[in-house]
Amino acid sequence: MAVPKKRSSMSKKRIRKNIWKKGGYWAALKAFSLAKSLSTGNSKSFFVRQISNQTLD
């Protein structure tokens, strides 16, 4: 027969949720840092092809 589990406390739930949120924060920070390095041209891990803006006469 199925027995319901004990309810976890609010503090444990809050701790787990904050850990999960912090993972997203670090991923966003890393992505922003990479975008910043790509836009300034200081990236050492990505090779971005530069497109020159020449007009055709």
PDB file of N, CA and C in Angstrom:
ATOM      1  N   MET A   1       0.829  -1.168   0.000  1.00  0.00           N
ATOM      2  CA  MET A   1       0.000   0.000   0.000  1.00  0.00           C
ATOM      3  C   MET A   1       0.891   1.255   0.000  1.00  0.00           C
ATOM      4  N   ALA A   2       0.530   2.253  -0.795  1.00  0.00           N
ATOM      5  CA  ALA A   2       1.322   3.477  -0.913  1.00  0.00           C
ATOM      6  C   ALA A   2       1.168   4.339   0.333  1.00  0.00           C
ATOM      7  N   VAL A   3       2.315   4.802   0.824  1.00  0.00           N
ATOM      8  CA  VAL A   3       2.318   5.652   2.009  1.00  0.00           C
ATOM      9  C   VAL A   3       2.885   7.009   1.613  1.00  0.00           C
ATOM     10  N   PRO A   4       2.221   8.107   1.944  1.00  0.00           N
ATOM     11  CA  PRO A   4       2.750   9.420   1.576  1.00  0.00           C
ATOM     12  C   PRO A   4       4.048   9.733   2.322  1.00  0.00           C
ATOM     13  N   LYS A   5       4.967  10.397   1.619  1.00  0.00           N
ATOM     14  CA  LYS A   5       6.244  10.766   2.240  1.00  0.00           C
ATOM     15  C   LYS A   5       6.038  11.940   3.178  1.00  0.00           C
ATOM     16  N   LYS A   6       7.029  12.124   4.054  1.00  0.00           N
ATOM     17  CA  LYS A   6       6.969  13.274   4.955  1.00  0.00           C
ATOM     18  C   LYS A   6       7.214  14.537   4.155  1.00  0.00           C
ATOM     19  N   ARG A   7       6.609  15.596   4.574  1.00  0.00           N
ATOM     20  CA  ARG A   7       6.749  16.882   3.889  1.00  0.00           C
ATOM     21  C   ARG A   7       8.096  17.509   4.252  1.00  0.00           C
ATOM     22  N   SER A   8       8.822  17.993   3.229  1.00  0.00           N
ATOM     23  CA  SER A   8      10.108  18.644   3.520  1.00  0.00           C
ATOM     24  C   SER A   8       9.848  20.070   4.003  1.00  0.00           C
ATOM     25  N   SER A   9      10.728  20.556   4.835  1.00  0.00           N
ATOM     26  CA  SER A   9      10.521  21.877   5.440  1.00  0.00           C
ATOM     27  C   SER A   9      10.707  22.984   4.409  1.00  0.00           C
ATOM     28  N   MET A  10      10.154  24.148   4.726  1.00  0.00           N
ATOM     29  CA  MET A  10      10.256  25.304   3.830  1.00  0.00           C
ATOM     30  C   MET A  10      11.704  25.751   3.678  1.00  0.00           C
ATOM     31  N   SER A  11      12.495  25.673   4.756  1.00  0.00           N
ATOM     32  CA  SER A  11      13.888  26.124   4.680  1.00  0.00           C
ATOM     33  C   SER A  11      14.702  25.240   3.735  1.00  0.00           C
ATOM     34  N   LYS A  12      14.479  23.926   3.788  1.00  0.00           N
ATOM     35  CA  LYS A  12      15.188  23.023   2.865  1.00  0.00           C
ATOM     36  C   LYS A  12      14.786  23.307   1.421  1.00  0.00           C
ATOM     37  N   LYS A  13      13.499  23.545   1.225  1.00  0.00           N
ATOM     38  CA  LYS A  13      12.987  23.853  -0.109  1.00  0.00           C
ATOM     39  C   LYS A  13      13.609  25.147  -0.628  1.00  0.00           C
ATOM     40  N   ARG A  14      13.706  26.169   0.235  1.00  0.00           N
ATOM     41  CA  ARG A  14      14.283  27.458  -0.134  1.00  0.00           C
ATOM     42  C   ARG A  14      15.773  27.325  -0.458  1.00  0.00           C
ATOM     43  N   ILE A  15      16.485  26.531   0.326  1.00  0.00           N
ATOM     44  CA  ILE A  15      17.920  26.312   0.089  1.00  0.00           C
ATOM     45  C   ILE A  15      18.136  25.666  -1.276  1.00  0.00           C
ATOM     46  N   ARG A  16      17.358  24.609  -1.567  1.00  0.00           N
ATOM     47  CA  ARG A  16      17.493  23.920  -2.861  1.00  0.00           C
ATOM     48  C   ARG A  16      17.172  24.854  -4.022  1.00  0.00           C
ATOM     49  N   LYS A  17      16.151  25.674  -3.862  1.00  0.00           N
ATOM     50  CA  LYS A  17      15.742  26.600  -4.910  1.00  0.00           C
ATOM     51  C   LYS A  17      16.831  27.646  -5.163  1.00  0.00           C
ATOM     52  N   ASN A  18      17.444  28.156  -4.084  1.00  0.00           N
ATOM     53  CA  ASN A  18      18.507  29.147  -4.229  1.00  0.00           C
ATOM     54  C   ASN A  18      19.748  28.568  -4.896  1.00  0.00           C
ATOM     55  N   ILE A  19      20.073  27.316  -4.591  1.00  0.00           N
ATOM     56  CA  ILE A  19      21.205  26.652  -5.248  1.00  0.00           C
ATOM     57  C   ILE A  19      20.922  26.517  -6.741  1.00  0.00           C
ATOM     58  N   TRP A  20      19.689  26.167  -7.084  1.00  0.00           N
ATOM     59  CA  TRP A  20      19.305  26.024  -8.487  1.00  0.00           C
ATOM     60  C   TRP A  20      19.384  27.363  -9.207  1.00  0.00           C
ATOM     61  N   LYS A  21      18.919  28.427  -8.539  1.00  0.00           N
ATOM     62  CA  LYS A  21      18.963  29.760  -9.129  1.00  0.00           C
ATOM     63  C   LYS A  21      20.406  30.237  -9.320  1.00  0.00           C
ATOM     64  N   LYS A  22      21.271  29.918  -8.364  1.00  0.00           N
ATOM     65  CA  LYS A  22      22.661  30.353  -8.441  1.00  0.00           C
ATOM     66  C   LYS A  22      23.367  29.721  -9.635  1.00  0.00           C
ATOM     67  N   GLY A  23      22.986  28.493  -9.998  1.00  0.00           N
ATOM     68  CA  GLY A  23      23.550  27.862 -11.191  1.00  0.00           C
ATOM     69  C   GLY A  23      23.226  28.665 -12.437  1.00  0.00           C
ATOM     70  N   GLY A  24      21.996  29.152 -12.539  1.00  0.00           N
ATOM     71  CA  GLY A  24      21.597  29.990 -13.668  1.00  0.00           C
ATOM     72  C   GLY A  24      22.324  31.316 -13.678  1.00  0.00           C
ATOM     73  N   TYR A  25      22.577  31.861 -12.486  1.00  0.00           N
ATOM     74  CA  TYR A  25      23.299  33.133 -12.375  1.00  0.00           C
ATOM     75  C   TYR A  25      24.713  32.995 -12.935  1.00  0.00           C
ATOM     76  N   TRP A  26      25.411  31.922 -12.566  1.00  0.00           N
ATOM     77  CA  TRP A  26      26.789  31.734 -13.039  1.00  0.00           C
ATOM     78  C   TRP A  26      26.829  31.485 -14.534  1.00  0.00           C
ATOM     79  N   ALA A  27      25.846  30.767 -15.070  1.00  0.00           N
ATOM     80  CA  ALA A  27      25.791  30.521 -16.518  1.00  0.00           C
ATOM     81  C   ALA A  27      25.576  31.831 -17.270  1.00  0.00           C
ATOM     82  N   ALA A  28      24.701  32.692 -16.746  1.00  0.00           N
ATOM     83  CA  ALA A  28      24.440  33.983 -17.384  1.00  0.00           C
ATOM     84  C   ALA A  28      25.669  34.881 -17.315  1.00  0.00           C
ATOM     85  N   LEU A  29      26.367  34.858 -16.178  1.00  0.00           N
ATOM     86  CA  LEU A  29      27.574  35.669 -16.011  1.00  0.00           C
ATOM     87  C   LEU A  29      28.659  35.239 -16.996  1.00  0.00           C
ATOM     88  N   LYS A  30      28.811  33.931 -17.167  1.00  0.00           N
ATOM     89  CA  LYS A  30      29.808  33.395 -18.093  1.00  0.00           C
ATOM     90  C   LYS A  30      29.463  33.762 -19.541  1.00  0.00           C
ATOM     91  N   ALA A  31      28.182  33.661 -19.897  1.00  0.00           N
ATOM     92  CA  ALA A  31      27.746  34.005 -21.253  1.00  0.00           C
ATOM     93  C   ALA A  31      27.951  35.491 -21.527  1.00  0.00           C
ATOM     94  N   PHE A  32      27.664  36.335 -20.536  1.00  0.00           N
ATOM     95  CA  PHE A  32      27.851  37.778 -20.702  1.00  0.00           C
ATOM     96  C   PHE A  32      29.323  38.124 -20.858  1.00  0.00           C
ATOM     97  N   SER A  33      30.164  37.459 -20.081  1.00  0.00           N
ATOM     98  CA  SER A  33      31.608  37.693 -20.162  1.00  0.00           C
ATOM     99  C   SER A  33      32.141  37.297 -21.533  1.00  0.00           C
ATOM    100  N   LEU A  34      31.666  36.166 -22.063  1.00  0.00           N
ATOM    101  CA  LEU A  34      32.090  35.710 -23.382  1.00  0.00           C
ATOM    102  C   LEU A  34      31.625  36.676 -24.467  1.00  0.00           C
ATOM    103  N   ALA A  35      30.393  37.151 -24.361  1.00  0.00           N
ATOM    104  CA  ALA A  35      29.865  38.113 -25.334  1.00  0.00           C
ATOM    105  C   ALA A  35      30.658  39.410 -25.298  1.00  0.00           C
ATOM    106  N   LYS A  36      31.044  39.837 -24.098  1.00  0.00           N
ATOM    107  CA  LYS A  36      31.822  41.064 -23.946  1.00  0.00           C
ATOM    108  C   LYS A  36      33.199  40.901 -24.598  1.00  0.00           C
ATOM    109  N   SER A  37      33.838  39.759 -24.402  1.00  0.00           N
ATOM    110  CA  SER A  37      35.160  39.544 -24.981  1.00  0.00           C
ATOM    111  C   SER A  37      35.081  39.426 -26.502  1.00  0.00           C
ATOM    112  N   LEU A  38      33.983  38.854 -27.008  1.00  0.00           N
ATOM    113  CA  LEU A  38      33.811  38.760 -28.459  1.00  0.00           C
ATOM    114  C   LEU A  38      33.586  40.133 -29.071  1.00  0.00           C
ATOM    115  N   SER A  39      32.828  40.971 -28.381  1.00  0.00           N
ATOM    116  CA  SER A  39      32.515  42.287 -28.944  1.00  0.00           C
ATOM    117  C   SER A  39      33.726  43.217 -28.934  1.00  0.00           C
ATOM    118  N   THR A  40      34.619  43.046 -27.958  1.00  0.00           N
ATOM    119  CA  THR A  40      35.812  43.895 -27.895  1.00  0.00           C
ATOM    120  C   THR A  40      36.964  43.322 -28.714  1.00  0.00           C
ATOM    121  N   GLY A  41      36.845  42.053 -29.104  1.00  0.00           N
ATOM    122  CA  GLY A  41      37.907  41.420 -29.890  1.00  0.00           C
ATOM    123  C   GLY A  41      39.013  40.821 -29.047  1.00  0.00           C
ATOM    124  N   ASN A  42      38.788  40.670 -27.742  1.00  0.00           N
ATOM    125  CA  ASN A  42      39.806  40.113 -26.848  1.00  0.00           C
ATOM    126  C   ASN A  42      39.635  38.623 -26.601  1.00  0.00           C
ATOM    127  N   SER A  43      38.785  37.971 -27.359  1.00  0.00           N
ATOM    128  CA  SER A  43      38.505  36.564 -27.136  1.00  0.00           C
ATOM    129  C   SER A  43      39.683  35.708 -27.559  1.00  0.00           C
ATOM    130  N   LYS A  44      40.057  34.750 -26.679  1.00  0.00           N
ATOM    131  CA  LYS A  44      41.151  33.844 -26.982  1.00  0.00           C
ATOM    132  C   LYS A  44      40.643  32.444 -27.320  1.00  0.00           C
ATOM    133  N   SER A  45      39.352  32.202 -27.103  1.00  0.00           N
ATOM    134  CA  SER A  45      38.807  30.873 -27.330  1.00  0.00           C
ATOM    135  C   SER A  45      37.950  30.787 -28.588  1.00  0.00           C
ATOM    136  N   PHE A  46      37.556  31.930 -29.142  1.00  0.00           N
ATOM    137  CA  PHE A  46      36.728  31.943 -30.337  1.00  0.00           C
ATOM    138  C   PHE A  46      37.431  32.734 -31.431  1.00  0.00           C
ATOM    139  N   PHE A  47      37.297  32.266 -32.637  1.00  0.00           N
ATOM    140  CA  PHE A  47      37.828  32.992 -33.774  1.00  0.00           C
ATOM    141  C   PHE A  47      36.643  33.534 -34.561  1.00  0.00           C
ATOM    142  N   VAL A  48      36.527  34.827 -34.598  1.00  0.00           N
ATOM    143  CA  VAL A  48      35.405  35.471 -35.267  1.00  0.00           C
ATOM    144  C   VAL A  48      35.923  36.109 -36.541  1.00  0.00           C
ATOM    145  N   ARG A  49      35.273  35.776 -37.648  1.00  0.00           N
ATOM    146  CA  ARG A  49      35.681  36.348 -38.928  1.00  0.00           C
ATOM    147  C   ARG A  49      35.192  37.787 -39.001  1.00  0.00           C
ATOM    148  N   GLN A  50      36.115  38.689 -39.267  1.00  0.00           N
ATOM    149  CA  GLN A  50      35.774  40.096 -39.357  1.00  0.00           C
ATOM    150  C   GLN A  50      35.234  40.387 -40.762  1.00  0.00           C
ATOM    151  N   ILE A  51      34.088  41.024 -40.847  1.00  0.00           N
ATOM    152  CA  ILE A  51      33.466  41.370 -42.125  1.00  0.00           C
ATOM    153  C   ILE A  51      33.721  42.865 -42.352  1.00  0.00           C
ATOM    154  N   SER A  52      34.399  43.168 -43.443  1.00  0.00           N
ATOM    155  CA  SER A  52      34.671  44.565 -43.730  1.00  0.00           C
ATOM    156  C   SER A  52      33.479  45.192 -44.459  1.00  0.00           C
ATOM    157  N   ASN A  53      33.192  46.416 -44.148  1.00  0.00           N
ATOM    158  CA  ASN A  53      32.056  47.126 -44.756  1.00  0.00           C
ATOM    159  C   ASN A  53      32.556  47.965 -45.920  1.00  0.00           C
ATOM    160  N   GLN A  54      32.735  47.328 -47.058  1.00  0.00           N
ATOM    161  CA  GLN A  54      33.177  48.058 -48.260  1.00  0.00           C
ATOM    162  C   GLN A  54      31.988  48.225 -49.176  1.00  0.00           C
ATOM    163  N   THR A  55      31.835  49.440 -49.707  1.00  0.00           N
ATOM    164  CA  THR A  55      30.730  49.676 -50.618  1.00  0.00           C
ATOM    165  C   THR A  55      31.195  49.377 -52.036  1.00  0.00           C
ATOM    166  N   LEU A  56      30.310  48.827 -52.815  1.00  0.00           N
ATOM    167  CA  LEU A  56      30.628  48.515 -54.212  1.00  0.00           C
ATOM    168  C   LEU A  56      30.281  49.705 -55.086  1.00  0.00           C
ATOM    169  N   ASP A  57      31.248  50.157 -55.916  1.00  0.00           N
ATOM    170  CA  ASP A  57      31.013  51.282 -56.812  1.00  0.00           C
ATOM    171  C   ASP A  57      30.753  50.802 -58.214  1.00  0.00           C
TER     172      ASP A  57
END
